[in-house]
Amino acid sequence: MVRIRPERQSEYGLVCELVKEAFASAKHSDGNEGDLVALLRKGDAFVPELSLVAEMDGRIVGHILFTKAQIGPDVALALAPLSVLPTFQGRGVGSALVREGHRIAGKLGYGHCLVLGSVTFYSRFGYRPAAEFGVTAPEGLPPDMFMALKLRDDARPVAGVAAYAKEFCIERRC
């Protein structure tokens, strides 16, 4: 059974190592995802309630982070990164993290979420090409992997160029 809960500050080092291990053999990784999480926690875009861990048998096996982003003048969220230890991948841990993160984000009043990732994986949760919303990917990001999701039925329409937290640019050396 997977238990999803907020990350504790005392777990930051453990989560950083988990993120690094989860991305060690990932096809689309620059090897700095753990450092990115540490940078994002210190930034203005960090939402502590949306830094979640997954536990199985008392062990942290996954992590997800949602940070504030912009779509034109509107505040949205960006899902990144989603990390699951390799031996626990394919067991529903990532899906549980995504679903619980969406639930909490909606309760907090966020209307939309952005993600750059696998169309096959994220479309299961309702993500669609961001262009369908009138949202343009930030320069340098592949538009075919850039998706958006409406988190709340009452969310007003959004459109414009998406902007991630500045820490993503530091990490990408923008």
Protein backbone atom coordinates (compact mmCIF):
# COMPACT_ATOMS: atom_id res chain seq x y z
CA MET A 1 0.00 0.00 0.00
CA VAL A 2 1.31 3.43 -0.93
CA ARG A 3 0.95 6.30 1.53
CA ILE A 4 1.31 9.85 0.16
CA ARG A 5 2.16 12.66 2.55
CA PRO A 6 3.94 16.03 2.64
CA GLU A 7 7.73 15.92 2.63
CA ARG A 8 9.40 16.90 5.91
CA GLN A 9 12.37 19.24 6.03
CA SER A 10 14.36 16.55 7.83
CA GLU A 11 13.96 14.35 4.73
CA TYR A 12 15.45 16.79 2.20
CA GLY A 13 18.77 14.95 1.94
CA LEU A 14 17.11 11.55 1.58
CA VAL A 15 14.74 12.89 -1.08
CA CYS A 16 17.63 14.45 -2.99
CA GLU A 17 19.35 11.05 -3.15
CA LEU A 18 16.08 9.38 -4.17
CA VAL A 19 15.64 11.86 -7.03
CA LYS A 20 19.21 11.29 -8.22
CA GLU A 21 18.75 7.51 -8.13
CA ALA A 22 15.39 7.70 -9.90
CA PHE A 23 16.88 9.72 -12.77
CA ALA A 24 20.25 7.93 -12.96
CA SER A 25 19.22 5.84 -15.96
CA ALA A 26 16.42 8.05 -17.32
CA LYS A 27 16.45 8.73 -21.05
CA HIS A 28 15.77 12.47 -20.66
CA SER A 29 17.95 13.49 -17.71
CA ASP A 30 20.79 15.91 -17.21
CA GLY A 31 21.75 14.35 -13.88
CA ASN A 32 20.92 17.51 -11.95
CA GLU A 33 17.33 16.80 -10.92
CA GLY A 34 18.23 16.39 -7.24
CA ASP A 35 20.02 19.74 -7.26
CA LEU A 36 17.01 21.30 -9.01
CA VAL A 37 14.71 20.13 -6.20
CA ALA A 38 17.06 21.71 -3.63
CA LEU A 39 17.11 25.00 -5.56
CA LEU A 40 13.33 25.05 -5.98
CA ARG A 41 12.77 24.55 -2.24
CA LYS A 42 14.67 27.80 -1.61
CA GLY A 43 12.82 29.82 -4.24
CA ASP A 44 9.67 31.92 -4.32
CA ALA A 45 7.84 29.34 -6.45
CA PHE A 46 8.05 26.63 -3.78
CA VAL A 47 4.70 25.43 -2.36
CA PRO A 48 5.53 23.24 0.68
CA GLU A 49 2.13 21.53 0.61
CA LEU A 50 2.92 20.30 -2.91
CA SER A 51 6.24 18.63 -2.17
CA LEU A 52 5.01 15.10 -1.51
CA VAL A 53 6.62 11.77 -0.76
CA ALA A 54 5.35 8.23 -1.25
CA GLU A 55 5.98 5.67 1.48
CA MET A 56 5.78 1.90 1.24
CA ASP A 57 6.53 -0.24 4.28
CA GLY A 58 7.88 2.82 6.11
CA ARG A 59 10.36 3.64 3.34
CA ILE A 60 10.26 6.72 1.10
CA VAL A 61 10.14 5.39 -2.46
CA GLY A 62 8.92 8.39 -4.45
CA HIS A 63 8.66 12.18 -4.56
CA ILE A 64 6.77 14.77 -6.57
CA LEU A 65 7.13 18.52 -6.65
CA PHE A 66 4.73 21.15 -7.96
CA THR A 67 5.97 24.76 -8.08
CA LYS A 68 4.35 28.00 -9.15
CA ALA A 69 4.58 28.90 -12.81
CA GLN A 70 3.05 31.59 -15.00
CA ILE A 71 0.81 31.30 -18.04
CA GLY A 72 0.73 34.83 -19.36
CA PRO A 73 -0.48 36.87 -16.36
CA ASP A 74 -1.99 33.87 -14.54
CA VAL A 75 -0.43 31.75 -11.79
CA ALA A 76 -0.39 28.03 -12.52
CA LEU A 77 1.68 25.08 -11.36
CA ALA A 78 4.50 23.13 -12.94
CA LEU A 79 4.88 19.44 -12.12
CA ALA A 80 8.59 18.62 -12.00
CA PRO A 81 10.20 16.41 -11.12
CA LEU A 82 8.33 13.18 -10.45
CA SER A 83 10.73 10.60 -9.02
CA VAL A 84 10.24 6.94 -8.10
CA LEU A 85 13.03 4.58 -7.09
CA PRO A 86 13.73 2.20 -9.99
CA THR A 87 12.73 -0.94 -8.06
CA PHE A 88 9.31 0.62 -7.33
CA GLN A 89 8.56 1.93 -10.82
CA GLY A 90 5.58 0.39 -12.57
CA ARG A 91 3.80 -0.28 -9.27
CA GLY A 92 1.48 2.76 -9.19
CA VAL A 93 3.67 4.93 -6.97
CA GLY A 94 4.08 7.71 -9.55
CA SER A 95 0.39 7.67 -10.40
CA ALA A 96 -0.54 7.94 -6.72
CA LEU A 97 1.79 10.92 -6.31
CA VAL A 98 0.34 12.69 -9.36
CA ARG A 99 -3.28 12.13 -8.31
CA GLU A 100 -2.74 13.28 -4.73
CA GLY A 101 -0.77 16.30 -5.91
CA HIS A 102 -3.61 17.27 -8.25
CA ARG A 103 -6.15 16.86 -5.46
CA ILE A 104 -4.20 19.07 -3.05
CA ALA A 105 -3.45 21.65 -5.76
CA GLY A 106 -7.14 21.96 -6.56
CA LYS A 107 -8.00 22.38 -2.86
CA LEU A 108 -5.36 25.13 -2.65
CA GLY A 109 -7.13 26.94 -5.49
CA TYR A 110 -4.74 26.35 -8.38
CA GLY A 111 -6.58 26.08 -11.69
CA HIS A 112 -3.99 24.68 -14.11
CA CYS A 113 -0.83 22.59 -14.15
CA LEU A 114 1.94 22.27 -16.73
CA VAL A 115 4.23 19.33 -17.35
CA LEU A 116 7.02 18.47 -19.73
CA GLY A 117 7.18 14.72 -20.10
CA SER A 118 5.86 11.50 -21.55
CA VAL A 119 2.62 12.00 -23.43
CA THR A 120 1.77 8.34 -22.84
CA PHE A 121 2.16 8.64 -19.07
CA TYR A 122 0.71 12.09 -18.37
CA SER A 123 -2.27 11.83 -20.73
CA ARG A 124 -3.64 9.19 -18.32
CA PHE A 125 -4.30 12.02 -15.86
CA GLY A 126 -5.98 14.28 -18.41
CA TYR A 127 -2.97 16.27 -19.60
CA ARG A 128 -3.35 17.51 -23.17
CA PRO A 129 -1.02 19.40 -25.47
CA ALA A 130 -0.61 22.86 -23.94
CA ALA A 131 -1.28 24.42 -27.34
CA GLU A 132 -4.91 23.23 -27.03
CA PHE A 133 -5.22 25.67 -24.12
CA GLY A 134 -3.50 28.45 -26.05
CA VAL A 135 -0.37 27.97 -23.94
CA THR A 136 3.03 28.23 -25.60
CA ALA A 137 6.06 26.34 -24.30
CA PRO A 138 8.99 28.37 -23.01
CA GLU A 139 11.76 28.74 -25.56
CA GLY A 140 13.90 25.64 -25.86
CA LEU A 141 11.29 23.16 -24.61
CA PRO A 142 9.88 20.60 -27.05
CA PRO A 143 6.24 21.58 -27.68
CA ASP A 144 5.22 17.98 -28.44
CA MET A 145 6.02 16.98 -24.83
CA PHE A 146 4.66 20.16 -23.22
CA MET A 147 1.22 19.59 -21.74
CA ALA A 148 -1.37 21.26 -19.53
CA LEU A 149 -4.22 20.16 -17.30
CA LYS A 150 -7.20 22.01 -15.89
CA LEU A 151 -7.24 21.15 -12.18
CA ARG A 152 -10.60 22.69 -11.27
CA ASP A 153 -13.88 22.86 -13.17
CA ASP A 154 -14.26 26.51 -12.18
CA ALA A 155 -10.77 27.51 -13.38
CA ARG A 156 -10.92 30.40 -15.80
CA PRO A 157 -9.32 29.97 -19.23
CA VAL A 158 -5.61 30.68 -19.54
CA ALA A 159 -3.47 31.50 -22.56
CA GLY A 160 -0.02 32.83 -23.28
CA VAL A 161 3.61 31.90 -22.96
CA ALA A 162 4.41 29.68 -20.00
CA ALA A 163 7.20 30.67 -17.64
CA TYR A 164 8.74 28.30 -15.12
CA ALA A 165 10.42 29.35 -11.87
CA LYS A 166 13.82 30.96 -12.41
CA GLU A 167 15.51 27.96 -10.77
CA PHE A 168 14.66 25.87 -13.82
CA CYS A 169 16.66 28.32 -15.95
CA ILE A 170 19.58 28.23 -13.54
CA GLU A 171 19.53 24.45 -13.81
CA ARG A 172 19.25 24.56 -17.59
CA ARG A 173 21.86 27.33 -17.79
CA CYS A 174 19.41 29.61 -19.66
